[in-house]
Amino acid sequence: MGFELRDWEQGLITSLAENANDARIGTFLSDLFPYPYTIEAAKSFVAHVRNHPQDIFRAIVMDDRAIGCISLTRLGGVKRFTAELGYWLNPAYWGHGIMTEAVLRLCQEAFLQSEIVRIQAEVFASNHASVRVLEKCGFQREGISECAVYKHATFHSLLLYGLIRPEAYAAKSR
């Protein structure tokens, strides 16, 4: 399945609202991800992206329609060279390797075109598909935070994964 990663633009708002409006998407996401996902939510998200140029937000686009999102949110202070990876994809496209390829592309872009040295991701321990994506992309499991999230009236553990810019290891060992 061919897709592209594109900057968010006004023309993607309608397809964003349509493809994000599936309750299954938010199962393993922050409660900040709304459901139902309305046109207003889509407009607000695109405005948020424009107001945070230090972060990298890309639409996952197929046939000129946004079918998902992937982002790297820069951390600050002593963690200023670290970014948090986040993503979602409409369930109609799950299981086709799209997210694995999107993660590979975005991480490569970040390492080549920014000062980011570390990319990390927190994933629900029960989100086996996301764990597979991260591991296929070279992320290493670094730890577990037990009962770190309360969602759907249940406590969930989070796994921490990290990916380090390859040349950072060489610099560290000097």
N, C-alpha and C. Protein backbone atom coordinates (compact mmCIF):
# COMPACT_ATOMS: atom_id res chain seq x y z
N MET A 1 0.85 -1.19 0.00
CA MET A 1 0.00 0.00 0.00
C MET A 1 0.88 1.24 0.00
N GLY A 2 0.76 2.04 -1.03
CA GLY A 2 1.55 3.25 -1.12
C GLY A 2 0.95 4.38 -0.31
N PHE A 3 1.79 5.09 0.39
CA PHE A 3 1.35 6.24 1.18
C PHE A 3 2.49 7.24 1.21
N GLU A 4 2.17 8.44 1.64
CA GLU A 4 3.21 9.45 1.83
C GLU A 4 3.02 10.13 3.18
N LEU A 5 4.10 10.67 3.69
CA LEU A 5 4.05 11.49 4.90
C LEU A 5 4.08 12.94 4.44
N ARG A 6 3.04 13.69 4.82
CA ARG A 6 2.94 15.08 4.38
C ARG A 6 2.70 15.99 5.57
N ASP A 7 3.08 17.25 5.39
CA ASP A 7 2.74 18.26 6.39
C ASP A 7 1.23 18.39 6.45
N TRP A 8 0.73 18.71 7.64
CA TRP A 8 -0.71 18.91 7.79
C TRP A 8 -1.12 20.21 7.12
N GLU A 9 -2.20 20.15 6.36
CA GLU A 9 -2.72 21.32 5.66
C GLU A 9 -4.25 21.31 5.76
N GLN A 10 -4.83 22.46 5.47
CA GLN A 10 -6.29 22.62 5.58
C GLN A 10 -7.05 21.58 4.75
N GLY A 11 -6.54 21.22 3.59
CA GLY A 11 -7.22 20.28 2.72
C GLY A 11 -7.35 18.87 3.27
N LEU A 12 -6.65 18.58 4.37
CA LEU A 12 -6.71 17.24 4.97
C LEU A 12 -7.68 17.17 6.16
N ILE A 13 -8.26 18.30 6.53
CA ILE A 13 -9.09 18.34 7.73
C ILE A 13 -10.29 17.40 7.64
N THR A 14 -10.99 17.40 6.53
CA THR A 14 -12.18 16.55 6.41
C THR A 14 -11.82 15.08 6.52
N SER A 15 -10.79 14.65 5.80
CA SER A 15 -10.40 13.23 5.87
C SER A 15 -9.82 12.88 7.23
N LEU A 16 -9.17 13.84 7.89
CA LEU A 16 -8.70 13.61 9.26
C LEU A 16 -9.88 13.31 10.17
N ALA A 17 -10.89 14.15 10.13
CA ALA A 17 -12.07 13.93 10.98
C ALA A 17 -12.73 12.59 10.68
N GLU A 18 -12.83 12.23 9.42
CA GLU A 18 -13.47 10.97 9.06
C GLU A 18 -12.66 9.77 9.51
N ASN A 19 -11.35 9.79 9.29
CA ASN A 19 -10.52 8.63 9.59
C ASN A 19 -10.12 8.52 11.05
N ALA A 20 -10.16 9.61 11.79
CA ALA A 20 -9.86 9.55 13.23
C ALA A 20 -11.09 9.20 14.05
N ASN A 21 -12.26 9.24 13.43
CA ASN A 21 -13.52 9.03 14.15
C ASN A 21 -13.87 7.54 14.26
N ASP A 22 -13.01 6.81 14.95
CA ASP A 22 -13.22 5.39 15.20
C ASP A 22 -12.78 5.13 16.64
N ALA A 23 -13.67 4.63 17.46
CA ALA A 23 -13.38 4.44 18.89
C ALA A 23 -12.18 3.55 19.13
N ARG A 24 -11.88 2.64 18.22
CA ARG A 24 -10.74 1.72 18.42
C ARG A 24 -9.41 2.46 18.42
N ILE A 25 -9.32 3.58 17.72
CA ILE A 25 -8.05 4.31 17.64
C ILE A 25 -7.61 4.78 19.02
N GLY A 26 -8.50 5.31 19.80
CA GLY A 26 -8.16 5.87 21.10
C GLY A 26 -7.90 4.86 22.19
N THR A 27 -8.08 3.58 21.92
CA THR A 27 -7.91 2.55 22.94
C THR A 27 -6.58 2.66 23.66
N PHE A 28 -5.50 2.91 22.91
CA PHE A 28 -4.17 2.96 23.49
C PHE A 28 -3.56 4.35 23.43
N LEU A 29 -4.40 5.38 23.30
CA LEU A 29 -3.91 6.75 23.24
C LEU A 29 -4.32 7.53 24.48
N SER A 30 -3.74 8.69 24.64
CA SER A 30 -4.09 9.60 25.72
C SER A 30 -5.57 9.97 25.64
N ASP A 31 -6.13 10.30 26.77
CA ASP A 31 -7.51 10.77 26.79
C ASP A 31 -7.67 12.10 26.06
N LEU A 32 -6.58 12.74 25.71
CA LEU A 32 -6.65 13.98 24.94
C LEU A 32 -7.12 13.73 23.51
N PHE A 33 -7.01 12.48 23.03
CA PHE A 33 -7.48 12.13 21.70
C PHE A 33 -9.00 11.98 21.77
N PRO A 34 -9.75 12.87 21.12
CA PRO A 34 -11.20 12.89 21.32
C PRO A 34 -11.94 11.79 20.55
N TYR A 35 -13.05 11.40 21.11
CA TYR A 35 -14.01 10.56 20.40
C TYR A 35 -15.39 10.97 20.87
N PRO A 36 -16.31 11.27 20.00
CA PRO A 36 -16.14 11.27 18.54
C PRO A 36 -15.15 12.35 18.09
N TYR A 37 -14.52 12.10 16.96
CA TYR A 37 -13.54 13.02 16.39
C TYR A 37 -14.26 13.87 15.35
N THR A 38 -14.47 15.12 15.68
CA THR A 38 -15.29 16.02 14.86
C THR A 38 -14.42 16.88 13.94
N ILE A 39 -15.08 17.58 13.05
CA ILE A 39 -14.40 18.57 12.20
C ILE A 39 -13.73 19.62 13.08
N GLU A 40 -14.40 20.02 14.15
CA GLU A 40 -13.82 21.02 15.05
C GLU A 40 -12.54 20.49 15.69
N ALA A 41 -12.54 19.21 16.08
CA ALA A 41 -11.34 18.60 16.66
C ALA A 41 -10.22 18.58 15.62
N ALA A 42 -10.55 18.26 14.38
CA ALA A 42 -9.55 18.23 13.30
C ALA A 42 -8.96 19.62 13.07
N LYS A 43 -9.81 20.63 13.03
CA LYS A 43 -9.33 22.01 12.85
C LYS A 43 -8.42 22.43 14.01
N SER A 44 -8.82 22.07 15.21
CA SER A 44 -8.03 22.40 16.39
C SER A 44 -6.66 21.71 16.34
N PHE A 45 -6.64 20.46 15.90
CA PHE A 45 -5.37 19.74 15.80
C PHE A 45 -4.45 20.40 14.78
N VAL A 46 -4.95 20.73 13.61
CA VAL A 46 -4.12 21.35 12.58
C VAL A 46 -3.60 22.70 13.07
N ALA A 47 -4.41 23.45 13.80
CA ALA A 47 -3.94 24.71 14.39
C ALA A 47 -2.84 24.45 15.41
N HIS A 48 -3.00 23.40 16.22
CA HIS A 48 -1.98 23.02 17.21
C HIS A 48 -0.65 22.73 16.52
N VAL A 49 -0.71 21.98 15.44
CA VAL A 49 0.50 21.64 14.68
C VAL A 49 1.22 22.90 14.22
N ARG A 50 0.48 23.83 13.71
CA ARG A 50 1.08 25.07 13.20
C ARG A 50 1.68 25.92 14.32
N ASN A 51 1.16 25.78 15.54
CA ASN A 51 1.66 26.55 16.67
C ASN A 51 2.83 25.87 17.38
N HIS A 52 3.27 24.72 16.89
CA HIS A 52 4.39 23.98 17.51
C HIS A 52 5.42 23.58 16.45
N PRO A 53 6.08 24.58 15.85
CA PRO A 53 7.02 24.27 14.76
C PRO A 53 8.26 23.50 15.21
N GLN A 54 8.54 23.47 16.51
CA GLN A 54 9.69 22.72 17.00
C GLN A 54 9.45 21.21 16.94
N ASP A 55 8.18 20.82 16.82
CA ASP A 55 7.80 19.42 16.76
C ASP A 55 7.60 19.00 15.29
N ILE A 56 7.60 17.70 15.06
CA ILE A 56 7.39 17.19 13.70
C ILE A 56 6.07 16.44 13.68
N PHE A 57 5.13 16.93 12.92
CA PHE A 57 3.83 16.29 12.75
C PHE A 57 3.65 15.97 11.27
N ARG A 58 3.31 14.74 10.96
CA ARG A 58 3.07 14.37 9.57
C ARG A 58 1.73 13.64 9.45
N ALA A 59 1.03 13.95 8.40
CA ALA A 59 -0.17 13.20 8.04
C ALA A 59 0.29 11.97 7.27
N ILE A 60 -0.32 10.84 7.54
CA ILE A 60 -0.11 9.64 6.74
C ILE A 60 -1.21 9.69 5.69
N VAL A 61 -0.81 9.87 4.44
CA VAL A 61 -1.76 10.18 3.37
C VAL A 61 -1.75 9.09 2.30
N MET A 62 -2.96 8.66 1.95
CA MET A 62 -3.15 7.72 0.86
C MET A 62 -4.29 8.26 0.00
N ASP A 63 -4.07 8.34 -1.29
CA ASP A 63 -5.08 8.86 -2.22
C ASP A 63 -5.57 10.24 -1.80
N ASP A 64 -4.65 11.10 -1.38
CA ASP A 64 -4.93 12.48 -0.96
C ASP A 64 -5.86 12.57 0.25
N ARG A 65 -5.90 11.51 1.07
CA ARG A 65 -6.71 11.51 2.29
C ARG A 65 -5.85 11.14 3.48
N ALA A 66 -6.01 11.87 4.57
CA ALA A 66 -5.28 11.56 5.80
C ALA A 66 -5.90 10.31 6.44
N ILE A 67 -5.09 9.26 6.56
CA ILE A 67 -5.57 8.01 7.17
C ILE A 67 -4.93 7.78 8.53
N GLY A 68 -4.04 8.67 8.92
CA GLY A 68 -3.37 8.54 10.21
C GLY A 68 -2.46 9.72 10.46
N CYS A 69 -1.74 9.63 11.57
CA CYS A 69 -0.85 10.71 11.98
C CYS A 69 0.36 10.10 12.67
N ILE A 70 1.50 10.75 12.50
CA ILE A 70 2.71 10.36 13.22
C ILE A 70 3.41 11.65 13.63
N SER A 71 4.00 11.64 14.82
CA SER A 71 4.61 12.87 15.31
C SER A 71 5.80 12.59 16.21
N LEU A 72 6.65 13.59 16.28
CA LEU A 72 7.76 13.63 17.23
C LEU A 72 7.64 14.94 18.00
N THR A 73 7.40 14.84 19.29
CA THR A 73 7.25 16.01 20.14
C THR A 73 8.53 16.21 20.92
N ARG A 74 9.16 17.35 20.71
CA ARG A 74 10.43 17.64 21.39
C ARG A 74 10.21 17.85 22.87
N LEU A 75 11.10 17.29 23.67
CA LEU A 75 11.10 17.53 25.10
C LEU A 75 12.01 18.73 25.36
N GLY A 76 11.99 19.25 26.56
CA GLY A 76 12.75 20.46 26.84
C GLY A 76 13.81 20.28 27.90
N GLY A 77 14.48 21.37 28.21
CA GLY A 77 15.50 21.37 29.26
C GLY A 77 16.61 20.38 28.98
N VAL A 78 16.96 19.58 29.97
CA VAL A 78 18.05 18.61 29.81
C VAL A 78 17.68 17.50 28.83
N LYS A 79 16.41 17.42 28.45
CA LYS A 79 15.96 16.42 27.48
C LYS A 79 15.71 17.04 26.10
N ARG A 80 16.32 18.17 25.83
CA ARG A 80 16.04 18.92 24.60
C ARG A 80 16.46 18.21 23.32
N PHE A 81 17.29 17.17 23.42
CA PHE A 81 17.68 16.41 22.23
C PHE A 81 16.88 15.11 22.12
N THR A 82 15.81 15.02 22.90
CA THR A 82 14.93 13.85 22.90
C THR A 82 13.57 14.25 22.36
N ALA A 83 12.95 13.32 21.63
CA ALA A 83 11.59 13.53 21.13
C ALA A 83 10.75 12.31 21.45
N GLU A 84 9.49 12.57 21.73
CA GLU A 84 8.52 11.51 22.03
C GLU A 84 7.75 11.17 20.75
N LEU A 85 7.77 9.91 20.38
CA LEU A 85 7.07 9.42 19.19
C LEU A 85 5.63 9.10 19.53
N GLY A 86 4.73 9.53 18.66
CA GLY A 86 3.32 9.18 18.80
C GLY A 86 2.73 8.91 17.42
N TYR A 87 1.73 8.05 17.36
CA TYR A 87 1.11 7.75 16.07
C TYR A 87 -0.23 7.06 16.25
N TRP A 88 -1.03 7.15 15.18
CA TRP A 88 -2.28 6.39 15.09
C TRP A 88 -2.58 6.18 13.61
N LEU A 89 -3.40 5.18 13.35
CA LEU A 89 -3.78 4.83 11.98
C LEU A 89 -5.21 4.31 12.00
N ASN A 90 -5.98 4.70 11.00
CA ASN A 90 -7.34 4.19 10.89
C ASN A 90 -7.30 2.66 10.83
N PRO A 91 -8.15 1.97 11.60
CA PRO A 91 -8.12 0.50 11.65
C PRO A 91 -8.27 -0.21 10.31
N ALA A 92 -8.87 0.43 9.33
CA ALA A 92 -9.00 -0.20 8.01
C ALA A 92 -7.63 -0.46 7.38
N TYR A 93 -6.60 0.21 7.89
CA TYR A 93 -5.26 0.08 7.32
C TYR A 93 -4.29 -0.68 8.22
N TRP A 94 -4.79 -1.19 9.35
CA TRP A 94 -3.93 -1.95 10.26
C TRP A 94 -3.46 -3.24 9.58
N GLY A 95 -2.27 -3.68 9.95
CA GLY A 95 -1.77 -4.97 9.49
C GLY A 95 -1.18 -4.98 8.09
N HIS A 96 -0.94 -3.80 7.52
CA HIS A 96 -0.38 -3.73 6.16
C HIS A 96 1.04 -3.18 6.13
N GLY A 97 1.66 -2.99 7.29
CA GLY A 97 3.03 -2.49 7.34
C GLY A 97 3.16 -0.99 7.19
N ILE A 98 2.05 -0.28 7.12
CA ILE A 98 2.09 1.17 6.92
C ILE A 98 2.77 1.86 8.09
N MET A 99 2.37 1.51 9.31
CA MET A 99 2.93 2.23 10.46
C MET A 99 4.41 1.91 10.64
N THR A 100 4.82 0.69 10.40
CA THR A 100 6.25 0.36 10.50
C THR A 100 7.04 1.23 9.53
N GLU A 101 6.58 1.33 8.30
CA GLU A 101 7.28 2.14 7.31
C GLU A 101 7.24 3.62 7.68
N ALA A 102 6.11 4.09 8.20
CA ALA A 102 6.00 5.50 8.60
C ALA A 102 6.97 5.83 9.73
N VAL A 103 7.08 4.94 10.71
CA VAL A 103 8.01 5.16 11.82
C VAL A 103 9.45 5.18 11.30
N LEU A 104 9.80 4.24 10.46
CA LEU A 104 11.15 4.23 9.88
C LEU A 104 11.45 5.54 9.15
N ARG A 105 10.53 5.99 8.32
CA ARG A 105 10.74 7.22 7.55
C ARG A 105 10.90 8.44 8.45
N LEU A 106 10.00 8.56 9.45
CA LEU A 106 10.04 9.76 10.29
C LEU A 106 11.30 9.78 11.15
N CYS A 107 11.68 8.63 11.69
CA CYS A 107 12.90 8.59 12.51
C CYS A 107 14.12 8.93 11.67
N GLN A 108 14.18 8.42 10.46
CA GLN A 108 15.30 8.74 9.57
C GLN A 108 15.32 10.25 9.27
N GLU A 109 14.16 10.80 8.97
CA GLU A 109 14.07 12.24 8.73
C GLU A 109 14.57 13.04 9.93
N ALA A 110 14.12 12.65 11.12
CA ALA A 110 14.50 13.38 12.34
C ALA A 110 16.00 13.32 12.57
N PHE A 111 16.60 12.15 12.40
CA PHE A 111 18.03 12.02 12.63
C PHE A 111 18.85 12.75 11.57
N LEU A 112 18.35 12.83 10.35
CA LEU A 112 19.09 13.49 9.28
C LEU A 112 18.91 15.01 9.27
N GLN A 113 17.73 15.49 9.70
CA GLN A 113 17.40 16.90 9.50
C GLN A 113 17.20 17.69 10.79
N SER A 114 17.48 17.08 11.93
CA SER A 114 17.31 17.82 13.19
C SER A 114 18.44 17.44 14.14
N GLU A 115 18.42 18.07 15.29
CA GLU A 115 19.42 17.78 16.32
C GLU A 115 18.98 16.65 17.24
N ILE A 116 17.84 16.03 16.96
CA ILE A 116 17.34 14.96 17.81
C ILE A 116 18.35 13.82 17.86
N VAL A 117 18.66 13.38 19.08
CA VAL A 117 19.60 12.27 19.30
C VAL A 117 18.85 11.03 19.78
N ARG A 118 17.77 11.24 20.49
CA ARG A 118 17.02 10.13 21.07
C ARG A 118 15.54 10.27 20.73
N ILE A 119 14.94 9.17 20.31
CA ILE A 119 13.49 9.11 20.10
C ILE A 119 12.96 8.05 21.04
N GLN A 120 11.96 8.42 21.80
CA GLN A 120 11.38 7.45 22.73
C GLN A 120 9.89 7.32 22.50
N ALA A 121 9.37 6.19 22.95
CA ALA A 121 7.94 5.94 22.83
C ALA A 121 7.48 5.17 24.06
N GLU A 122 6.35 5.58 24.59
CA GLU A 122 5.69 4.83 25.67
C GLU A 122 4.49 4.14 25.06
N VAL A 123 4.38 2.86 25.30
CA VAL A 123 3.31 2.08 24.69
C VAL A 123 2.65 1.22 25.77
N PHE A 124 1.33 1.12 25.68
CA PHE A 124 0.61 0.24 26.59
C PHE A 124 1.20 -1.16 26.45
N ALA A 125 1.47 -1.83 27.56
CA ALA A 125 2.06 -3.17 27.52
C ALA A 125 1.17 -4.15 26.75
N SER A 126 -0.12 -3.91 26.75
CA SER A 126 -1.05 -4.81 26.05
C SER A 126 -1.23 -4.47 24.57
N ASN A 127 -0.56 -3.43 24.09
CA ASN A 127 -0.66 -3.03 22.69
C ASN A 127 0.43 -3.76 21.89
N HIS A 128 0.19 -5.04 21.65
CA HIS A 128 1.19 -5.90 21.01
C HIS A 128 1.55 -5.43 19.60
N ALA A 129 0.58 -4.90 18.86
CA ALA A 129 0.86 -4.44 17.50
C ALA A 129 1.85 -3.27 17.52
N SER A 130 1.68 -2.35 18.44
CA SER A 130 2.58 -1.20 18.53
C SER A 130 3.97 -1.63 19.00
N VAL A 131 4.02 -2.58 19.92
CA VAL A 131 5.31 -3.12 20.35
C VAL A 131 6.05 -3.71 19.15
N ARG A 132 5.35 -4.46 18.31
CA ARG A 132 5.97 -5.06 17.13
C ARG A 132 6.50 -3.97 16.18
N VAL A 133 5.71 -2.92 15.99
CA VAL A 133 6.15 -1.82 15.12
C VAL A 133 7.47 -1.25 15.64
N LEU A 134 7.52 -0.93 16.91
CA LEU A 134 8.72 -0.31 17.47
C LEU A 134 9.93 -1.25 17.36
N GLU A 135 9.74 -2.50 17.68
CA GLU A 135 10.85 -3.45 17.63
C GLU A 135 11.33 -3.67 16.20
N LYS A 136 10.42 -3.73 15.23
CA LYS A 136 10.82 -3.85 13.82
C LYS A 136 11.64 -2.65 13.37
N CYS A 137 11.39 -1.50 13.99
CA CYS A 137 12.08 -0.26 13.61
C CYS A 137 13.38 -0.05 14.39
N GLY A 138 13.78 -1.02 15.20
CA GLY A 138 15.05 -0.94 15.91
C GLY A 138 14.98 -0.34 17.30
N PHE A 139 13.80 0.01 17.78
CA PHE A 139 13.67 0.53 19.13
C PHE A 139 13.99 -0.59 20.13
N GLN A 140 14.64 -0.20 21.23
CA GLN A 140 14.97 -1.15 22.29
C GLN A 140 14.08 -0.90 23.50
N ARG A 141 13.58 -1.99 24.05
CA ARG A 141 12.78 -1.85 25.28
C ARG A 141 13.72 -1.50 26.43
N GLU A 142 13.39 -0.42 27.12
CA GLU A 142 14.26 0.09 28.18
C GLU A 142 13.68 -0.08 29.58
N GLY A 143 12.38 -0.29 29.66
CA GLY A 143 11.81 -0.44 30.99
C GLY A 143 10.30 -0.55 30.95
N ILE A 144 9.74 -0.70 32.15
CA ILE A 144 8.29 -0.80 32.30
C ILE A 144 7.87 0.05 33.49
N SER A 145 6.78 0.75 33.32
CA SER A 145 6.16 1.53 34.40
C SER A 145 4.85 0.83 34.74
N GLU A 146 4.85 0.15 35.85
CA GLU A 146 3.67 -0.61 36.26
C GLU A 146 2.53 0.33 36.66
N CYS A 147 1.34 -0.02 36.25
CA CYS A 147 0.12 0.72 36.62
C CYS A 147 0.27 2.23 36.38
N ALA A 148 0.88 2.60 35.28
CA ALA A 148 1.18 4.00 35.01
C ALA A 148 0.02 4.76 34.38
N VAL A 149 -0.95 4.04 33.81
CA VAL A 149 -2.05 4.65 33.09
C VAL A 149 -3.36 4.07 33.60
N TYR A 150 -4.33 4.96 33.75
CA TYR A 150 -5.68 4.52 34.12
C TYR A 150 -6.61 4.88 32.97
N LYS A 151 -7.10 3.86 32.29
CA LYS A 151 -7.96 4.08 31.13
C LYS A 151 -9.01 2.99 31.09
N HIS A 152 -10.24 3.38 30.76
CA HIS A 152 -11.36 2.43 30.69
C HIS A 152 -11.51 1.65 31.99
N ALA A 153 -11.41 2.37 33.10
CA ALA A 153 -11.60 1.82 34.45
C ALA A 153 -10.61 0.72 34.80
N THR A 154 -9.42 0.77 34.19
CA THR A 154 -8.39 -0.24 34.45
C THR A 154 -7.02 0.42 34.47
N PHE A 155 -6.15 -0.06 35.34
CA PHE A 155 -4.77 0.39 35.33
C PHE A 155 -4.00 -0.42 34.29
N HIS A 156 -3.12 0.28 33.57
CA HIS A 156 -2.31 -0.35 32.52
C HIS A 156 -0.84 -0.01 32.75
N SER A 157 0.02 -0.94 32.41
CA SER A 157 1.45 -0.69 32.46
C SER A 157 1.92 -0.13 31.13
N LEU A 158 2.96 0.68 31.19
CA LEU A 158 3.56 1.26 29.99
C LEU A 158 4.97 0.69 29.80
N LEU A 159 5.29 0.39 28.56
CA LEU A 159 6.65 0.00 28.20
C LEU A 159 7.35 1.20 27.61
N LEU A 160 8.60 1.41 27.98
CA LEU A 160 9.39 2.50 27.42
C LEU A 160 10.35 1.92 26.39
N TYR A 161 10.31 2.50 25.20
CA TYR A 161 11.20 2.10 24.11
C TYR A 161 12.03 3.30 23.69
N GLY A 162 13.27 3.05 23.27
CA GLY A 162 14.13 4.13 22.83
C GLY A 162 14.90 3.75 21.57
N LEU A 163 15.18 4.77 20.78
CA LEU A 163 16.00 4.64 19.58
C LEU A 163 16.99 5.78 19.61
N ILE A 164 18.27 5.45 19.50
CA ILE A 164 19.33 6.45 19.59
C ILE A 164 19.96 6.63 18.22
N ARG A 165 20.22 7.89 17.87
CA ARG A 165 20.92 8.19 16.62
C ARG A 165 22.23 7.40 16.63
N PRO A 166 22.51 6.63 15.59
CA PRO A 166 23.66 5.72 15.61
C PRO A 166 24.99 6.39 15.97
N GLU A 167 25.28 7.56 15.43
CA GLU A 167 26.57 8.19 15.72
C GLU A 167 26.67 8.69 17.17
N ALA A 168 25.55 8.78 17.86
CA ALA A 168 25.59 9.21 19.27
C ALA A 168 26.29 8.17 20.13
N TYR A 169 26.14 6.89 19.80
CA TYR A 169 26.84 5.85 20.54
C TYR A 169 28.35 6.00 20.40
N ALA A 170 28.80 6.31 19.19
CA ALA A 170 30.24 6.47 18.97
C ALA A 170 30.77 7.67 19.76
N ALA A 171 30.02 8.76 19.76
CA ALA A 171 30.45 9.96 20.50
C ALA A 171 30.47 9.71 22.00
N LYS A 172 29.52 8.92 22.49
CA LYS A 172 29.41 8.64 23.91
C LYS A 172 30.61 7.84 24.41
N SER A 173 31.12 6.93 23.60
CA SER A 173 32.18 6.04 24.04
C SER A 173 33.58 6.67 23.96
N ARG A 174 33.67 7.88 23.45
CA ARG A 174 34.98 8.54 23.36
C ARG A 174 35.44 9.05 24.69
